[in-house]
Amino acid sequence: MRTVEEALELILDQVRQLPAERVPLLAAPGRVLAEAVIADIDVPPFDNSAVDGYAVHAEDTTGAASGAPVVLESLADLPAGAVAAQTVTPGAAARIMTGAPIPPGADAVVMIEDTRAAVDRRVAILAPAVPGDYVRRAGEDITRGTLALAAGAAIRPGTVALLAAMARTTVATVRRPSVRGDFDRR
């Protein structure tokens, strides 16, 4: 009598890996990666805001509190995808949405909940920031040149999101097995 391990080895010796085929990314869920995916870009590709708020020089917010706000000039509104046309200079801030690139000159983001609109395109900062607050750095999730996904990984919705973040439109997957034969015999 064979052991379970011997039986498994006998079966696996007869199994051959199916060839790879490249499929559109949105057709890949439920399949298996045929090759490792090495990141060819940083994810995220640039420093960006992790929250809705104001991009600032952290030093300008020292001592800010709800009873003693620091008032800064609001230079611009930066929705996600927008690139700042101006540098955030000392004494200034830029309203920024989640995912928008951090404008030049800013080193932190103050959450919108810690601000209050003031008159004449000014914003009251109600809490101090430190450099790096609410800033997602380029490559923070995945660094260019590193292994993003191993061959043999199951492709699930999160996998698709990761591949899409790396600007992949197709992916090499293991071909789906097919069953052939005469099933009409009685």
N, C-alpha and C. Protein backbone atom coordinates (compact mmCIF):
# COMPACT_ATOMS: atom_id res chain seq x y z
N MET A 1 0.83 -1.17 0.00
CA MET A 1 0.00 0.00 0.00
C MET A 1 0.88 1.24 0.00
N ARG A 2 0.47 2.27 -0.75
CA ARG A 2 1.24 3.52 -0.85
C ARG A 2 0.82 4.49 0.26
N THR A 3 1.78 5.32 0.65
CA THR A 3 1.46 6.38 1.61
C THR A 3 0.79 7.52 0.86
N VAL A 4 0.19 8.44 1.59
CA VAL A 4 -0.45 9.61 0.97
C VAL A 4 0.59 10.40 0.19
N GLU A 5 1.76 10.57 0.77
CA GLU A 5 2.83 11.32 0.10
C GLU A 5 3.25 10.67 -1.21
N GLU A 6 3.36 9.33 -1.20
CA GLU A 6 3.73 8.61 -2.42
C GLU A 6 2.64 8.73 -3.48
N ALA A 7 1.39 8.63 -3.07
CA ALA A 7 0.28 8.77 -4.02
C ALA A 7 0.26 10.17 -4.62
N LEU A 8 0.46 11.17 -3.76
CA LEU A 8 0.48 12.55 -4.24
C LEU A 8 1.62 12.77 -5.22
N GLU A 9 2.80 12.25 -4.92
CA GLU A 9 3.94 12.37 -5.83
C GLU A 9 3.65 11.70 -7.16
N LEU A 10 3.03 10.52 -7.15
CA LEU A 10 2.68 9.80 -8.37
C LEU A 10 1.72 10.64 -9.23
N ILE A 11 0.75 11.24 -8.60
CA ILE A 11 -0.21 12.08 -9.34
C ILE A 11 0.47 13.32 -9.89
N LEU A 12 1.23 14.02 -9.04
CA LEU A 12 1.87 15.27 -9.47
C LEU A 12 2.91 15.04 -10.56
N ASP A 13 3.50 13.85 -10.62
CA ASP A 13 4.45 13.53 -11.68
C ASP A 13 3.76 13.49 -13.05
N GLN A 14 2.46 13.27 -13.05
CA GLN A 14 1.70 13.18 -14.31
C GLN A 14 1.10 14.52 -14.74
N VAL A 15 1.14 15.50 -13.86
CA VAL A 15 0.53 16.80 -14.14
C VAL A 15 1.56 17.73 -14.76
N ARG A 16 1.19 18.41 -15.80
CA ARG A 16 2.06 19.39 -16.45
C ARG A 16 1.42 20.76 -16.35
N GLN A 17 2.25 21.77 -16.13
CA GLN A 17 1.72 23.13 -16.05
C GLN A 17 1.21 23.55 -17.41
N LEU A 18 0.06 24.18 -17.41
CA LEU A 18 -0.50 24.69 -18.65
C LEU A 18 0.31 25.89 -19.12
N PRO A 19 0.32 26.16 -20.41
CA PRO A 19 1.10 27.30 -20.92
C PRO A 19 0.49 28.63 -20.47
N ALA A 20 1.30 29.65 -20.56
CA ALA A 20 0.86 31.00 -20.20
C ALA A 20 0.14 31.64 -21.38
N GLU A 21 -0.77 32.54 -21.04
CA GLU A 21 -1.39 33.37 -22.06
C GLU A 21 -1.62 34.74 -21.46
N ARG A 22 -1.47 35.75 -22.30
CA ARG A 22 -1.65 37.13 -21.86
C ARG A 22 -3.12 37.49 -22.05
N VAL A 23 -3.72 38.03 -20.98
CA VAL A 23 -5.13 38.40 -21.03
C VAL A 23 -5.30 39.84 -20.56
N PRO A 24 -6.40 40.49 -20.98
CA PRO A 24 -6.66 41.84 -20.47
C PRO A 24 -6.82 41.79 -18.95
N LEU A 25 -6.37 42.83 -18.28
CA LEU A 25 -6.38 42.86 -16.83
C LEU A 25 -7.77 42.59 -16.25
N LEU A 26 -8.80 43.17 -16.85
CA LEU A 26 -10.15 42.99 -16.31
C LEU A 26 -10.71 41.59 -16.54
N ALA A 27 -10.06 40.78 -17.38
CA ALA A 27 -10.47 39.39 -17.59
C ALA A 27 -9.66 38.43 -16.72
N ALA A 28 -8.76 38.95 -15.90
CA ALA A 28 -7.83 38.11 -15.15
C ALA A 28 -8.34 37.59 -13.80
N PRO A 29 -9.32 38.21 -13.14
CA PRO A 29 -9.74 37.67 -11.84
C PRO A 29 -10.16 36.20 -11.94
N GLY A 30 -9.74 35.44 -10.93
CA GLY A 30 -10.04 34.01 -10.91
C GLY A 30 -8.96 33.18 -11.57
N ARG A 31 -7.99 33.84 -12.15
CA ARG A 31 -6.89 33.12 -12.81
C ARG A 31 -5.65 33.15 -11.91
N VAL A 32 -4.55 32.60 -12.44
CA VAL A 32 -3.30 32.51 -11.68
C VAL A 32 -2.18 33.15 -12.49
N LEU A 33 -1.33 33.94 -11.82
CA LEU A 33 -0.21 34.57 -12.51
C LEU A 33 0.77 33.52 -13.02
N ALA A 34 1.18 33.66 -14.27
CA ALA A 34 2.11 32.72 -14.87
C ALA A 34 3.56 33.15 -14.65
N GLU A 35 3.76 34.39 -14.30
CA GLU A 35 5.11 34.89 -14.08
C GLU A 35 5.11 35.93 -12.96
N ALA A 36 6.27 36.13 -12.37
CA ALA A 36 6.40 37.14 -11.33
C ALA A 36 6.21 38.52 -11.94
N VAL A 37 5.68 39.44 -11.16
CA VAL A 37 5.49 40.82 -11.61
C VAL A 37 6.46 41.69 -10.81
N ILE A 38 7.40 42.28 -11.53
CA ILE A 38 8.37 43.20 -10.93
C ILE A 38 7.87 44.61 -11.22
N ALA A 39 7.80 45.45 -10.20
CA ALA A 39 7.30 46.82 -10.36
C ALA A 39 8.25 47.61 -11.25
N ASP A 40 7.69 48.20 -12.30
CA ASP A 40 8.52 49.05 -13.17
C ASP A 40 8.30 50.53 -12.88
N ILE A 41 7.45 50.82 -11.90
CA ILE A 41 7.25 52.19 -11.41
C ILE A 41 7.07 52.13 -9.89
N ASP A 42 7.26 53.27 -9.25
CA ASP A 42 6.94 53.38 -7.83
C ASP A 42 5.43 53.50 -7.68
N VAL A 43 4.89 52.94 -6.61
CA VAL A 43 3.47 53.09 -6.29
C VAL A 43 3.38 53.61 -4.86
N PRO A 44 2.85 54.79 -4.65
CA PRO A 44 2.40 55.74 -5.66
C PRO A 44 3.59 56.31 -6.43
N PRO A 45 3.32 56.85 -7.62
CA PRO A 45 4.41 57.34 -8.46
C PRO A 45 4.95 58.71 -8.03
N PHE A 46 4.28 59.38 -7.11
CA PHE A 46 4.72 60.71 -6.64
C PHE A 46 4.21 60.89 -5.21
N ASP A 47 4.83 61.81 -4.47
CA ASP A 47 4.33 62.15 -3.14
C ASP A 47 2.93 62.72 -3.30
N ASN A 48 1.97 62.23 -2.48
CA ASN A 48 0.61 62.74 -2.60
C ASN A 48 -0.05 62.81 -1.23
N SER A 49 -1.19 63.49 -1.21
CA SER A 49 -1.91 63.69 0.03
C SER A 49 -2.72 62.46 0.41
N ALA A 50 -2.62 62.06 1.67
CA ALA A 50 -3.38 60.92 2.17
C ALA A 50 -4.78 61.33 2.65
N VAL A 51 -5.04 62.64 2.72
CA VAL A 51 -6.32 63.15 3.22
C VAL A 51 -6.71 64.41 2.45
N ASP A 52 -7.96 64.81 2.59
CA ASP A 52 -8.37 66.15 2.15
C ASP A 52 -7.89 67.14 3.20
N GLY A 53 -7.33 68.25 2.77
CA GLY A 53 -6.85 69.24 3.75
C GLY A 53 -6.09 70.37 3.08
N TYR A 54 -5.05 70.82 3.75
CA TYR A 54 -4.21 71.90 3.24
C TYR A 54 -2.75 71.49 3.29
N ALA A 55 -2.06 71.62 2.15
CA ALA A 55 -0.63 71.37 2.08
C ALA A 55 0.07 72.61 2.62
N VAL A 56 1.00 72.40 3.56
CA VAL A 56 1.62 73.52 4.27
C VAL A 56 3.11 73.27 4.49
N HIS A 57 3.79 74.34 4.95
CA HIS A 57 5.10 74.20 5.58
C HIS A 57 4.77 73.88 7.03
N ALA A 58 5.17 72.75 7.52
CA ALA A 58 4.83 72.35 8.90
C ALA A 58 5.27 73.42 9.90
N GLU A 59 6.42 74.00 9.65
CA GLU A 59 6.95 75.02 10.56
C GLU A 59 5.97 76.19 10.74
N ASP A 60 5.20 76.50 9.68
CA ASP A 60 4.24 77.61 9.77
C ASP A 60 3.09 77.33 10.72
N THR A 61 2.87 76.06 11.07
CA THR A 61 1.72 75.70 11.90
C THR A 61 2.08 75.54 13.38
N THR A 62 3.32 75.81 13.73
CA THR A 62 3.76 75.67 15.12
C THR A 62 2.86 76.49 16.04
N GLY A 63 2.36 75.84 17.08
CA GLY A 63 1.52 76.53 18.05
C GLY A 63 0.06 76.65 17.67
N ALA A 64 -0.32 76.17 16.49
CA ALA A 64 -1.72 76.29 16.06
C ALA A 64 -2.62 75.50 17.01
N ALA A 65 -3.77 76.10 17.34
CA ALA A 65 -4.76 75.45 18.20
C ALA A 65 -6.12 76.03 17.87
N SER A 66 -7.19 75.34 18.28
CA SER A 66 -8.53 75.83 17.96
C SER A 66 -8.78 77.21 18.56
N GLY A 67 -8.20 77.49 19.74
CA GLY A 67 -8.36 78.81 20.36
C GLY A 67 -7.36 79.83 19.88
N ALA A 68 -6.33 79.39 19.17
CA ALA A 68 -5.28 80.28 18.67
C ALA A 68 -4.82 79.79 17.31
N PRO A 69 -5.69 79.93 16.28
CA PRO A 69 -5.32 79.41 14.97
C PRO A 69 -4.19 80.20 14.32
N VAL A 70 -3.49 79.51 13.43
CA VAL A 70 -2.51 80.16 12.56
C VAL A 70 -3.22 80.40 11.23
N VAL A 71 -3.19 81.63 10.74
CA VAL A 71 -3.89 81.97 9.50
C VAL A 71 -2.87 82.05 8.36
N LEU A 72 -3.17 81.29 7.30
CA LEU A 72 -2.28 81.24 6.12
C LEU A 72 -3.05 81.65 4.88
N GLU A 73 -2.32 82.17 3.90
CA GLU A 73 -2.92 82.50 2.60
C GLU A 73 -3.17 81.20 1.84
N SER A 74 -4.36 81.05 1.30
CA SER A 74 -4.70 79.86 0.51
C SER A 74 -4.43 80.16 -0.96
N LEU A 75 -3.42 79.49 -1.50
CA LEU A 75 -2.97 79.78 -2.87
C LEU A 75 -3.82 79.14 -3.96
N ALA A 76 -4.24 77.90 -3.74
CA ALA A 76 -4.87 77.14 -4.83
C ALA A 76 -5.71 76.01 -4.28
N ASP A 77 -6.57 75.46 -5.14
CA ASP A 77 -7.31 74.24 -4.86
C ASP A 77 -6.74 73.15 -5.76
N LEU A 78 -6.33 72.04 -5.16
CA LEU A 78 -5.69 70.96 -5.92
C LEU A 78 -6.53 69.69 -5.82
N PRO A 79 -7.41 69.44 -6.80
CA PRO A 79 -8.14 68.17 -6.79
C PRO A 79 -7.20 67.03 -7.17
N ALA A 80 -7.62 65.80 -6.90
CA ALA A 80 -6.81 64.64 -7.28
C ALA A 80 -6.53 64.71 -8.77
N GLY A 81 -5.28 64.47 -9.13
CA GLY A 81 -4.87 64.51 -10.53
C GLY A 81 -4.32 65.85 -10.97
N ALA A 82 -4.58 66.91 -10.20
CA ALA A 82 -4.08 68.25 -10.55
C ALA A 82 -2.64 68.39 -10.09
N VAL A 83 -1.87 69.12 -10.87
CA VAL A 83 -0.49 69.42 -10.51
C VAL A 83 -0.42 70.91 -10.17
N ALA A 84 0.19 71.22 -9.05
CA ALA A 84 0.26 72.61 -8.59
C ALA A 84 1.04 73.48 -9.56
N ALA A 85 0.50 74.65 -9.80
CA ALA A 85 1.18 75.62 -10.66
C ALA A 85 2.04 76.56 -9.81
N GLN A 86 1.80 76.57 -8.51
CA GLN A 86 2.52 77.47 -7.61
C GLN A 86 3.26 76.68 -6.54
N THR A 87 4.31 77.29 -6.02
CA THR A 87 5.04 76.73 -4.90
C THR A 87 4.40 77.22 -3.62
N VAL A 88 4.27 76.35 -2.64
CA VAL A 88 3.77 76.75 -1.34
C VAL A 88 4.93 77.42 -0.60
N THR A 89 4.83 78.72 -0.47
CA THR A 89 5.88 79.51 0.18
C THR A 89 5.54 79.66 1.67
N PRO A 90 6.51 80.05 2.49
CA PRO A 90 6.20 80.26 3.90
C PRO A 90 5.03 81.24 4.05
N GLY A 91 4.11 80.91 4.95
CA GLY A 91 2.93 81.74 5.18
C GLY A 91 1.77 81.42 4.26
N ALA A 92 1.95 80.40 3.41
CA ALA A 92 0.89 80.05 2.45
C ALA A 92 0.53 78.57 2.61
N ALA A 93 -0.59 78.21 2.00
CA ALA A 93 -1.08 76.83 2.00
C ALA A 93 -1.81 76.60 0.69
N ALA A 94 -2.03 75.35 0.35
CA ALA A 94 -2.82 75.00 -0.84
C ALA A 94 -3.84 73.96 -0.42
N ARG A 95 -5.11 74.23 -0.72
CA ARG A 95 -6.15 73.23 -0.43
C ARG A 95 -5.89 72.02 -1.33
N ILE A 96 -5.91 70.83 -0.74
CA ILE A 96 -5.52 69.64 -1.48
C ILE A 96 -6.49 68.50 -1.18
N MET A 97 -6.78 67.71 -2.20
CA MET A 97 -7.67 66.56 -2.04
C MET A 97 -6.84 65.28 -1.96
N THR A 98 -7.43 64.26 -1.39
CA THR A 98 -6.77 62.96 -1.27
C THR A 98 -6.27 62.49 -2.63
N GLY A 99 -5.01 62.11 -2.70
CA GLY A 99 -4.42 61.59 -3.94
C GLY A 99 -3.74 62.64 -4.80
N ALA A 100 -3.99 63.91 -4.54
CA ALA A 100 -3.35 64.96 -5.34
C ALA A 100 -1.86 65.04 -5.00
N PRO A 101 -1.03 65.35 -6.01
CA PRO A 101 0.41 65.49 -5.74
C PRO A 101 0.68 66.63 -4.74
N ILE A 102 1.62 66.39 -3.85
CA ILE A 102 2.04 67.42 -2.90
C ILE A 102 2.72 68.54 -3.70
N PRO A 103 2.27 69.78 -3.51
CA PRO A 103 2.87 70.87 -4.29
C PRO A 103 4.29 71.17 -3.82
N PRO A 104 5.10 71.73 -4.70
CA PRO A 104 6.45 72.10 -4.31
C PRO A 104 6.40 73.05 -3.11
N GLY A 105 7.34 72.89 -2.20
CA GLY A 105 7.43 73.77 -1.04
C GLY A 105 6.70 73.25 0.18
N ALA A 106 5.69 72.42 0.01
CA ALA A 106 4.94 71.87 1.15
C ALA A 106 5.64 70.63 1.68
N ASP A 107 5.56 70.43 3.00
CA ASP A 107 6.16 69.23 3.58
C ASP A 107 5.20 68.48 4.50
N ALA A 108 3.95 68.92 4.56
CA ALA A 108 2.94 68.27 5.39
C ALA A 108 1.55 68.65 4.90
N VAL A 109 0.56 67.90 5.38
CA VAL A 109 -0.84 68.21 5.09
C VAL A 109 -1.58 68.27 6.42
N VAL A 110 -2.39 69.31 6.57
CA VAL A 110 -3.26 69.44 7.74
C VAL A 110 -4.64 68.98 7.29
N MET A 111 -5.24 68.04 8.04
CA MET A 111 -6.57 67.53 7.68
C MET A 111 -7.59 68.66 7.65
N ILE A 112 -8.55 68.56 6.74
CA ILE A 112 -9.59 69.58 6.60
C ILE A 112 -10.32 69.80 7.92
N GLU A 113 -10.47 68.73 8.72
CA GLU A 113 -11.15 68.83 10.02
C GLU A 113 -10.40 69.75 10.99
N ASP A 114 -9.11 69.97 10.74
CA ASP A 114 -8.29 70.82 11.61
C ASP A 114 -8.08 72.20 11.00
N THR A 115 -9.02 72.61 10.15
CA THR A 115 -8.94 73.93 9.52
C THR A 115 -10.31 74.61 9.57
N ARG A 116 -10.30 75.89 9.28
CA ARG A 116 -11.54 76.66 9.19
C ARG A 116 -11.30 77.74 8.14
N ALA A 117 -12.29 77.94 7.29
CA ALA A 117 -12.16 78.98 6.26
C ALA A 117 -12.08 80.34 6.94
N ALA A 118 -11.24 81.19 6.42
CA ALA A 118 -11.12 82.57 6.89
C ALA A 118 -11.45 83.49 5.71
N VAL A 119 -11.45 84.77 5.91
CA VAL A 119 -11.81 85.71 4.84
C VAL A 119 -10.65 85.92 3.87
N ASP A 120 -10.99 86.39 2.69
CA ASP A 120 -10.00 86.77 1.67
C ASP A 120 -9.02 85.66 1.32
N ARG A 121 -9.55 84.49 0.97
CA ARG A 121 -8.73 83.34 0.56
C ARG A 121 -7.65 83.01 1.59
N ARG A 122 -8.06 82.99 2.80
CA ARG A 122 -7.17 82.59 3.89
C ARG A 122 -7.79 81.38 4.57
N VAL A 123 -6.93 80.63 5.25
CA VAL A 123 -7.39 79.46 5.99
C VAL A 123 -6.81 79.50 7.39
N ALA A 124 -7.64 79.18 8.36
CA ALA A 124 -7.20 79.10 9.75
C ALA A 124 -6.81 77.66 10.06
N ILE A 125 -5.58 77.47 10.49
CA ILE A 125 -5.07 76.15 10.85
C ILE A 125 -5.25 75.99 12.36
N LEU A 126 -5.96 74.92 12.75
CA LEU A 126 -6.34 74.74 14.15
C LEU A 126 -5.50 73.71 14.90
N ALA A 127 -4.54 73.09 14.21
CA ALA A 127 -3.68 72.08 14.84
C ALA A 127 -2.31 72.11 14.17
N PRO A 128 -1.26 71.92 14.94
CA PRO A 128 0.08 71.94 14.34
C PRO A 128 0.35 70.68 13.51
N ALA A 129 1.22 70.83 12.55
CA ALA A 129 1.66 69.70 11.72
C ALA A 129 3.16 69.51 11.91
N VAL A 130 3.61 68.29 11.63
CA VAL A 130 5.04 68.02 11.58
C VAL A 130 5.36 67.54 10.17
N PRO A 131 6.60 67.75 9.72
CA PRO A 131 6.92 67.32 8.36
C PRO A 131 6.54 65.86 8.13
N GLY A 132 5.88 65.60 7.01
CA GLY A 132 5.48 64.24 6.64
C GLY A 132 4.05 63.90 7.02
N ASP A 133 3.40 64.74 7.84
CA ASP A 133 2.02 64.44 8.22
C ASP A 133 1.13 64.29 6.99
N TYR A 134 0.45 63.16 6.90
CA TYR A 134 -0.54 62.85 5.86
C TYR A 134 0.03 62.95 4.44
N VAL A 135 1.32 62.69 4.31
CA VAL A 135 1.96 62.65 2.99
C VAL A 135 2.31 61.19 2.70
N ARG A 136 1.76 60.68 1.59
CA ARG A 136 2.14 59.34 1.11
C ARG A 136 3.32 59.53 0.17
N ARG A 137 4.44 58.96 0.50
CA ARG A 137 5.66 59.13 -0.30
C ARG A 137 5.66 58.25 -1.54
N ALA A 138 6.30 58.73 -2.59
CA ALA A 138 6.46 57.94 -3.81
C ALA A 138 7.15 56.63 -3.44
N GLY A 139 6.60 55.52 -3.93
CA GLY A 139 7.18 54.22 -3.68
C GLY A 139 6.85 53.65 -2.30
N GLU A 140 6.00 54.32 -1.53
CA GLU A 140 5.66 53.86 -0.18
C GLU A 140 4.98 52.50 -0.19
N ASP A 141 4.14 52.24 -1.19
CA ASP A 141 3.46 50.95 -1.27
C ASP A 141 4.34 49.91 -1.96
N ILE A 142 4.92 50.28 -3.09
CA ILE A 142 5.80 49.38 -3.85
C ILE A 142 6.90 50.21 -4.48
N THR A 143 8.12 49.75 -4.35
CA THR A 143 9.26 50.46 -4.92
C THR A 143 9.63 49.85 -6.27
N ARG A 144 9.92 50.71 -7.22
CA ARG A 144 10.33 50.27 -8.55
C ARG A 144 11.46 49.24 -8.43
N GLY A 145 11.33 48.15 -9.20
CA GLY A 145 12.36 47.12 -9.23
C GLY A 145 12.17 46.01 -8.22
N THR A 146 11.15 46.12 -7.36
CA THR A 146 10.92 45.07 -6.37
C THR A 146 9.84 44.11 -6.85
N LEU A 147 9.81 42.94 -6.23
CA LEU A 147 8.79 41.94 -6.55
C LEU A 147 7.45 42.44 -6.03
N ALA A 148 6.50 42.63 -6.93
CA ALA A 148 5.16 43.07 -6.54
C ALA A 148 4.25 41.87 -6.31
N LEU A 149 4.35 40.87 -7.18
CA LEU A 149 3.52 39.67 -7.08
C LEU A 149 4.33 38.47 -7.56
N ALA A 150 4.21 37.36 -6.86
CA ALA A 150 4.95 36.15 -7.22
C ALA A 150 4.17 35.34 -8.25
N ALA A 151 4.90 34.63 -9.10
CA ALA A 151 4.25 33.69 -10.02
C ALA A 151 3.46 32.69 -9.19
N GLY A 152 2.30 32.32 -9.69
CA GLY A 152 1.45 31.37 -8.98
C GLY A 152 0.43 32.04 -8.07
N ALA A 153 0.50 33.36 -7.95
CA ALA A 153 -0.47 34.07 -7.09
C ALA A 153 -1.84 34.07 -7.76
N ALA A 154 -2.86 33.87 -6.95
CA ALA A 154 -4.23 33.95 -7.45
C ALA A 154 -4.56 35.42 -7.73
N ILE A 155 -5.25 35.66 -8.82
CA ILE A 155 -5.61 37.03 -9.18
C ILE A 155 -7.01 37.31 -8.63
N ARG A 156 -7.03 38.22 -7.66
CA ARG A 156 -8.27 38.62 -6.99
C ARG A 156 -8.48 40.11 -7.24
N PRO A 157 -9.58 40.68 -6.78
CA PRO A 157 -9.80 42.12 -7.00
C PRO A 157 -8.66 43.00 -6.51
N GLY A 158 -8.09 42.70 -5.35
CA GLY A 158 -6.96 43.48 -4.85
C GLY A 158 -5.74 43.38 -5.75
N THR A 159 -5.54 42.20 -6.34
CA THR A 159 -4.43 41.99 -7.28
C THR A 159 -4.63 42.84 -8.51
N VAL A 160 -5.87 42.88 -9.00
CA VAL A 160 -6.20 43.71 -10.17
C VAL A 160 -5.92 45.17 -9.86
N ALA A 161 -6.32 45.63 -8.67
CA ALA A 161 -6.09 47.02 -8.28
C ALA A 161 -4.59 47.34 -8.25
N LEU A 162 -3.80 46.43 -7.70
CA LEU A 162 -2.36 46.63 -7.65
C LEU A 162 -1.77 46.70 -9.05
N LEU A 163 -2.16 45.78 -9.92
CA LEU A 163 -1.65 45.79 -11.29
C LEU A 163 -2.09 47.05 -12.03
N ALA A 164 -3.30 47.50 -11.80
CA ALA A 164 -3.78 48.74 -12.42
C ALA A 164 -2.98 49.94 -11.91
N ALA A 165 -2.64 49.95 -10.63
CA ALA A 165 -1.83 51.04 -10.06
C ALA A 165 -0.45 51.09 -10.70
N MET A 166 0.00 49.94 -11.21
CA MET A 166 1.30 49.89 -11.89
C MET A 166 1.14 50.08 -13.40
N ALA A 167 -0.06 50.53 -13.82
CA ALA A 167 -0.36 50.83 -15.23
C ALA A 167 -0.31 49.60 -16.13
N ARG A 168 -0.58 48.42 -15.58
CA ARG A 168 -0.63 47.20 -16.38
C ARG A 168 -2.02 47.06 -17.00
N THR A 169 -2.07 46.79 -18.28
CA THR A 169 -3.36 46.59 -18.95
C THR A 169 -3.59 45.13 -19.32
N THR A 170 -2.51 44.36 -19.36
CA THR A 170 -2.61 42.92 -19.60
C THR A 170 -1.72 42.21 -18.59
N VAL A 171 -1.94 40.91 -18.44
CA VAL A 171 -1.16 40.14 -17.47
C VAL A 171 -1.00 38.71 -18.00
N ALA A 172 0.18 38.13 -17.74
CA ALA A 172 0.43 36.74 -18.15
C ALA A 172 -0.18 35.82 -17.10
N THR A 173 -1.11 34.98 -17.55
CA THR A 173 -1.78 34.05 -16.65
C THR A 173 -1.60 32.63 -17.16
N VAL A 174 -1.82 31.69 -16.27
CA VAL A 174 -1.82 30.28 -16.68
C VAL A 174 -3.13 30.04 -17.43
N ARG A 175 -3.02 29.39 -18.60
CA ARG A 175 -4.21 29.10 -19.39
C ARG A 175 -5.18 28.28 -18.56
N ARG A 176 -6.45 28.58 -18.71
CA ARG A 176 -7.48 27.82 -17.98
C ARG A 176 -7.53 26.40 -18.53
N PRO A 177 -7.70 25.41 -17.67
CA PRO A 177 -7.81 24.03 -18.16
C PRO A 177 -9.13 23.83 -18.88
N SER A 178 -9.14 22.92 -19.80
CA SER A 178 -10.39 22.58 -20.48
C SER A 178 -10.56 21.06 -20.42
N VAL A 179 -11.79 20.65 -20.44
CA VAL A 179 -12.10 19.23 -20.40
C VAL A 179 -12.63 18.84 -21.76
N ARG A 180 -12.02 17.82 -22.36
CA ARG A 180 -12.46 17.37 -23.68
C ARG A 180 -12.77 15.88 -23.59
N GLY A 181 -13.67 15.45 -24.38
CA GLY A 181 -13.98 14.03 -24.40
C GLY A 181 -15.39 13.79 -24.89
N ASP A 182 -15.70 12.53 -25.01
CA ASP A 182 -17.01 12.12 -25.48
C ASP A 182 -17.87 11.82 -24.26
N PHE A 183 -18.76 12.77 -23.95
CA PHE A 183 -19.60 12.63 -22.77
C PHE A 183 -21.01 12.12 -23.10
N ASP A 184 -21.24 11.79 -24.37
CA ASP A 184 -22.58 11.35 -24.77
C ASP A 184 -22.72 9.82 -24.69
N ARG A 185 -21.67 9.15 -24.30
CA ARG A 185 -21.76 7.69 -24.17
C ARG A 185 -22.72 7.33 -23.04
N ARG A 186 -23.43 6.25 -23.25
CA ARG A 186 -24.36 5.82 -22.19
C ARG A 186 -23.96 4.47 -21.69
